[in-house]
Amino acid sequence: MPLLPLYFSTTPSVSSSRLGSFMAKIQVDSGLADESIICLSTCSKVQFRGFQEVFEDPEAGSVRHKEHEENGRDELFRILNELKPGDQLSLGAVELKQHFTQPPPRYSEGTLVKRMEELGIGRPSTYASTLKVLQDRNYVLVKSRVLHPEFRGRMGHHPKDGQPVILKIAKAGFTIRHRHTMASLPKNLKPSDIDLDKALKLLSGKDVRRSGRLKSKPKVEEAVDAL
């Protein structure tokens, strides 16, 4: 009987036996004597790295500060730590800044593969096929070598209220939804056959549900009509 190779990793077991990391945080409140203006300064410093010495977390590594930033934080921590309650501070300068947040950059094929490697998703032999499936099924669209996510289920907007008309997957099949109204997709139709006009016709048909119930006349009205 041939022997099978045994693969194992010692890093997680070693890191789990070490102590946790410890951080010191300092907060200084300063401002005018009448407390009409209060400024808050905070800073943290790693005192003991613990398991981080032998184990690198991909999620933590993506937000870890660079070396020159760490040096600046250590200097700021030292300055704030030397202050004592009641110290008089003088205003050195006032600088007005305006900052607009920016969304994170979109993935390219290369950066997405790199991120998958960091998180341990897939293998090098499956990366190309994974990217191909994402593009073939229109989950992402490549524009200028950048991956843009696609909202596959959105058909468009309802002409009456401008709310989105969405094609969703349910337990019994596909459904078309608009706000609290939903209609089941007929079995003889494929999701790729549905456009906004066909979706609106299905939403205005008989087999329409609202809040989980069929849109139908109340039983009292049915009884009156029968009389």
Protein backbone atom coordinates (compact mmCIF):
# COMPACT_ATOMS: atom_id res chain seq x y z
CA MET A 1 0.00 0.00 0.00
CA PRO A 2 1.60 3.28 -1.05
CA LEU A 3 2.21 5.91 1.60
CA LEU A 4 0.40 9.19 1.11
CA PRO A 5 2.24 12.45 1.81
CA LEU A 6 1.23 14.24 4.99
CA TYR A 7 1.02 18.01 4.91
CA PHE A 8 0.86 20.07 8.07
CA SER A 9 1.60 23.59 9.25
CA THR A 10 3.22 24.43 12.59
CA THR A 11 2.62 28.18 12.51
CA PRO A 12 -1.03 28.24 13.74
CA SER A 13 -0.28 25.81 16.59
CA VAL A 14 2.76 27.81 17.69
CA SER A 15 0.93 31.12 17.51
CA SER A 16 -2.06 29.79 19.46
CA SER A 17 0.20 28.85 22.38
CA ARG A 18 1.58 32.37 22.74
CA LEU A 19 0.07 35.21 24.73
CA GLY A 20 -2.15 37.80 23.15
CA SER A 21 -0.89 41.20 22.09
CA PHE A 22 -1.20 44.20 24.41
CA MET A 23 -1.75 47.82 23.40
CA ALA A 24 -1.66 50.99 25.47
CA LYS A 25 -4.09 53.77 24.58
CA ILE A 26 -3.98 57.34 25.79
CA GLN A 27 -6.63 60.06 25.45
CA VAL A 28 -6.14 63.75 26.18
CA ASP A 29 -8.98 66.30 26.31
CA SER A 30 -7.92 69.92 25.91
CA GLY A 31 -9.76 73.15 25.23
CA LEU A 32 -10.96 76.46 26.61
CA ALA A 33 -11.53 76.93 30.33
CA ASP A 34 -15.28 77.44 29.83
CA GLU A 35 -15.38 74.16 27.87
CA SER A 36 -16.96 75.88 24.89
CA ILE A 37 -14.35 74.21 22.68
CA ILE A 38 -12.94 70.78 23.51
CA CYS A 39 -10.30 69.01 21.43
CA LEU A 40 -9.76 65.27 21.71
CA SER A 41 -6.40 63.61 21.04
CA THR A 42 -5.95 59.85 21.10
CA CYS A 43 -3.05 57.56 20.33
CA SER A 44 -2.23 53.89 20.83
CA LYS A 45 1.03 51.98 21.05
CA VAL A 46 1.84 48.28 20.86
CA GLN A 47 3.53 47.24 24.10
CA PHE A 48 3.70 43.50 23.52
CA ARG A 49 3.18 41.84 20.12
CA GLY A 50 2.59 38.35 21.51
CA PHE A 51 1.33 35.95 18.85
CA GLN A 52 1.83 38.61 16.17
CA GLU A 53 5.55 37.86 16.28
CA VAL A 54 4.98 34.48 14.61
CA PHE A 55 1.58 34.77 12.94
CA GLU A 56 0.55 37.34 10.34
CA ASP A 57 -3.20 37.84 9.99
CA PRO A 58 -4.09 38.80 6.37
CA GLU A 59 -7.00 40.96 7.51
CA ALA A 60 -4.88 42.80 10.08
CA GLY A 61 -1.97 43.08 7.68
CA SER A 62 -4.08 45.01 5.18
CA VAL A 63 -4.64 47.82 7.71
CA ARG A 64 -1.31 47.68 9.54
CA HIS A 65 0.59 50.97 9.70
CA LYS A 66 3.81 51.40 7.80
CA GLU A 67 7.14 51.66 9.61
CA HIS A 68 7.46 55.45 9.32
CA GLU A 69 3.86 55.81 10.52
CA GLU A 70 4.65 53.63 13.53
CA ASN A 71 7.58 55.89 14.43
CA GLY A 72 5.36 58.95 14.23
CA ARG A 73 2.73 57.30 16.42
CA ASP A 74 5.36 56.41 19.02
CA GLU A 75 6.51 60.04 19.13
CA LEU A 76 2.92 61.28 19.46
CA PHE A 77 2.28 58.78 22.25
CA ARG A 78 5.36 60.02 24.10
CA ILE A 79 4.25 63.67 23.82
CA LEU A 80 0.72 62.98 25.02
CA ASN A 81 1.97 60.77 27.83
CA GLU A 82 4.11 63.61 29.24
CA LEU A 83 1.08 65.88 29.72
CA LYS A 84 -0.48 66.19 33.17
CA PRO A 85 -3.96 67.34 34.23
CA GLY A 86 -4.05 71.14 34.50
CA ASP A 87 -1.16 71.82 32.10
CA GLN A 88 -1.52 75.09 30.20
CA LEU A 89 -1.32 74.65 26.45
CA SER A 90 -0.67 77.40 23.93
CA LEU A 91 -2.20 77.45 20.47
CA GLY A 92 0.57 77.09 17.94
CA ALA A 93 -1.38 77.31 14.68
CA VAL A 94 -4.79 76.74 13.16
CA GLU A 95 -5.01 74.89 9.88
CA LEU A 96 -8.29 74.34 8.07
CA LYS A 97 -8.59 71.22 5.95
CA GLN A 98 -11.37 69.69 3.92
CA HIS A 99 -11.28 65.97 3.23
CA PHE A 100 -13.59 63.91 1.07
CA THR A 101 -13.60 60.18 1.58
CA GLN A 102 -12.86 58.04 -1.44
CA PRO A 103 -14.08 54.51 -2.09
CA PRO A 104 -11.40 51.82 -2.06
CA PRO A 105 -9.86 51.11 -5.46
CA ARG A 106 -11.53 48.40 -7.48
CA TYR A 107 -9.84 45.09 -8.04
CA SER A 108 -8.05 44.19 -11.22
CA GLU A 109 -7.57 40.56 -12.15
CA GLY A 110 -4.07 40.63 -10.67
CA THR A 111 -5.02 42.29 -7.38
CA LEU A 112 -8.03 40.00 -6.98
CA VAL A 113 -5.85 36.92 -7.41
CA LYS A 114 -3.38 38.35 -4.90
CA ARG A 115 -6.18 38.95 -2.40
CA MET A 116 -7.49 35.42 -2.89
CA GLU A 117 -4.00 34.11 -2.18
CA GLU A 118 -3.81 36.16 1.04
CA LEU A 119 -7.15 34.80 2.24
CA GLY A 120 -6.37 31.24 1.20
CA ILE A 121 -9.18 31.04 -1.36
CA GLY A 122 -8.69 28.55 -4.18
CA ARG A 123 -5.43 27.37 -5.68
CA PRO A 124 -3.19 28.73 -8.44
CA SER A 125 -4.70 26.19 -10.83
CA THR A 126 -8.25 27.49 -10.19
CA TYR A 127 -7.72 31.26 -10.29
CA ALA A 128 -8.07 31.56 -14.08
CA SER A 129 -11.25 29.47 -14.21
CA THR A 130 -12.74 31.41 -11.28
CA LEU A 131 -12.19 34.73 -13.04
CA LYS A 132 -13.64 33.31 -16.25
CA VAL A 133 -16.81 32.14 -14.49
CA LEU A 134 -17.27 35.57 -12.88
CA GLN A 135 -17.11 37.21 -16.30
CA ASP A 136 -19.12 34.60 -18.21
CA ARG A 137 -21.99 34.81 -15.72
CA ASN A 138 -21.89 38.61 -15.76
CA TYR A 139 -21.04 38.93 -12.09
CA VAL A 140 -18.27 41.37 -13.05
CA LEU A 141 -17.52 43.48 -16.10
CA VAL A 142 -13.97 44.34 -17.12
CA LYS A 143 -13.46 48.00 -18.03
CA SER A 144 -9.94 49.29 -18.64
CA ARG A 145 -8.55 46.18 -16.92
CA VAL A 146 -10.61 46.93 -13.80
CA LEU A 147 -13.35 44.65 -12.46
CA HIS A 148 -16.74 46.33 -12.00
CA PRO A 149 -19.43 44.36 -10.13
CA GLU A 150 -22.74 43.96 -11.94
CA PHE A 151 -26.18 43.94 -10.33
CA ARG A 152 -27.46 40.97 -12.30
CA GLY A 153 -30.95 40.93 -10.86
CA ARG A 154 -31.93 44.55 -11.46
CA MET A 155 -34.23 44.81 -14.47
CA GLY A 156 -34.75 48.55 -14.31
CA HIS A 157 -37.02 51.04 -12.55
CA HIS A 158 -40.81 51.07 -12.39
CA PRO A 159 -42.22 53.93 -14.50
CA LYS A 160 -44.78 54.89 -11.83
CA ASP A 161 -42.57 55.43 -8.78
CA GLY A 162 -39.00 54.95 -10.01
CA GLN A 163 -38.39 52.05 -7.61
CA PRO A 164 -36.22 49.14 -8.85
CA VAL A 165 -37.74 46.03 -10.37
CA ILE A 166 -35.59 43.09 -9.28
CA LEU A 167 -35.29 39.48 -10.35
CA LYS A 168 -34.53 37.35 -7.28
CA ILE A 169 -33.98 33.68 -6.55
CA ALA A 170 -36.54 32.06 -4.24
CA LYS A 171 -36.97 28.51 -2.95
CA ALA A 172 -39.57 27.70 -5.61
CA GLY A 173 -37.71 29.43 -8.44
CA PHE A 174 -37.25 32.98 -9.65
CA THR A 175 -39.48 35.86 -8.61
CA ILE A 176 -39.87 39.41 -9.85
CA ARG A 177 -40.22 41.98 -7.10
CA HIS A 178 -41.18 45.62 -6.92
CA ARG A 179 -41.34 47.07 -3.42
CA HIS A 180 -43.79 44.78 -1.53
CA THR A 181 -45.19 43.19 -4.69
CA MET A 182 -43.84 39.99 -6.19
CA ALA A 183 -44.72 37.63 -9.04
CA SER A 184 -43.37 34.18 -9.79
CA LEU A 185 -41.48 33.60 -13.02
CA PRO A 186 -43.33 31.07 -15.25
CA LYS A 187 -41.51 27.78 -15.65
CA ASN A 188 -41.51 28.10 -19.45
CA LEU A 189 -39.41 31.28 -19.23
CA LYS A 190 -35.75 31.62 -18.38
CA PRO A 191 -34.34 34.55 -16.37
CA SER A 192 -32.43 35.63 -19.48
CA ASP A 193 -35.74 35.93 -21.38
CA ILE A 194 -37.12 38.57 -19.01
CA ASP A 195 -36.72 42.27 -19.65
CA LEU A 196 -38.37 45.23 -17.93
CA ASP A 197 -41.51 45.19 -20.12
CA LYS A 198 -42.16 41.49 -19.49
CA ALA A 199 -41.48 41.98 -15.78
CA LEU A 200 -44.07 44.77 -15.59
CA LYS A 201 -46.66 42.57 -17.32
CA LEU A 202 -46.07 39.79 -14.79
CA LEU A 203 -46.38 42.26 -11.91
CA SER A 204 -49.75 43.43 -13.27
CA GLY A 205 -51.08 39.90 -13.80
CA LYS A 206 -53.27 37.70 -11.63
CA ASP A 207 -50.60 35.67 -9.83
CA VAL A 208 -49.24 38.60 -7.86
CA ARG A 209 -48.45 38.51 -4.16
CA ARG A 210 -48.25 41.43 -1.80
CA SER A 211 -46.63 41.05 1.61
CA GLY A 212 -46.65 37.27 1.13
CA ARG A 213 -50.35 37.01 0.22
CA LEU A 214 -52.10 36.76 -3.13
CA LYS A 215 -53.67 39.91 -4.45
CA SER A 216 -57.32 38.91 -4.64
CA LYS A 217 -60.70 40.25 -3.70
CA PRO A 218 -61.74 39.85 -0.07
CA LYS A 219 -64.03 36.92 0.67
CA VAL A 220 -66.85 39.31 1.62
CA GLU A 221 -66.72 40.94 -1.80
CA GLU A 222 -66.64 37.51 -3.46
CA ALA A 223 -69.77 36.52 -1.53
CA VAL A 224 -71.55 39.75 -2.56
CA ASP A 225 -70.59 39.19 -6.20
CA ALA A 226 -71.95 35.66 -5.99
CA LEU A 227 -75.31 36.95 -4.78
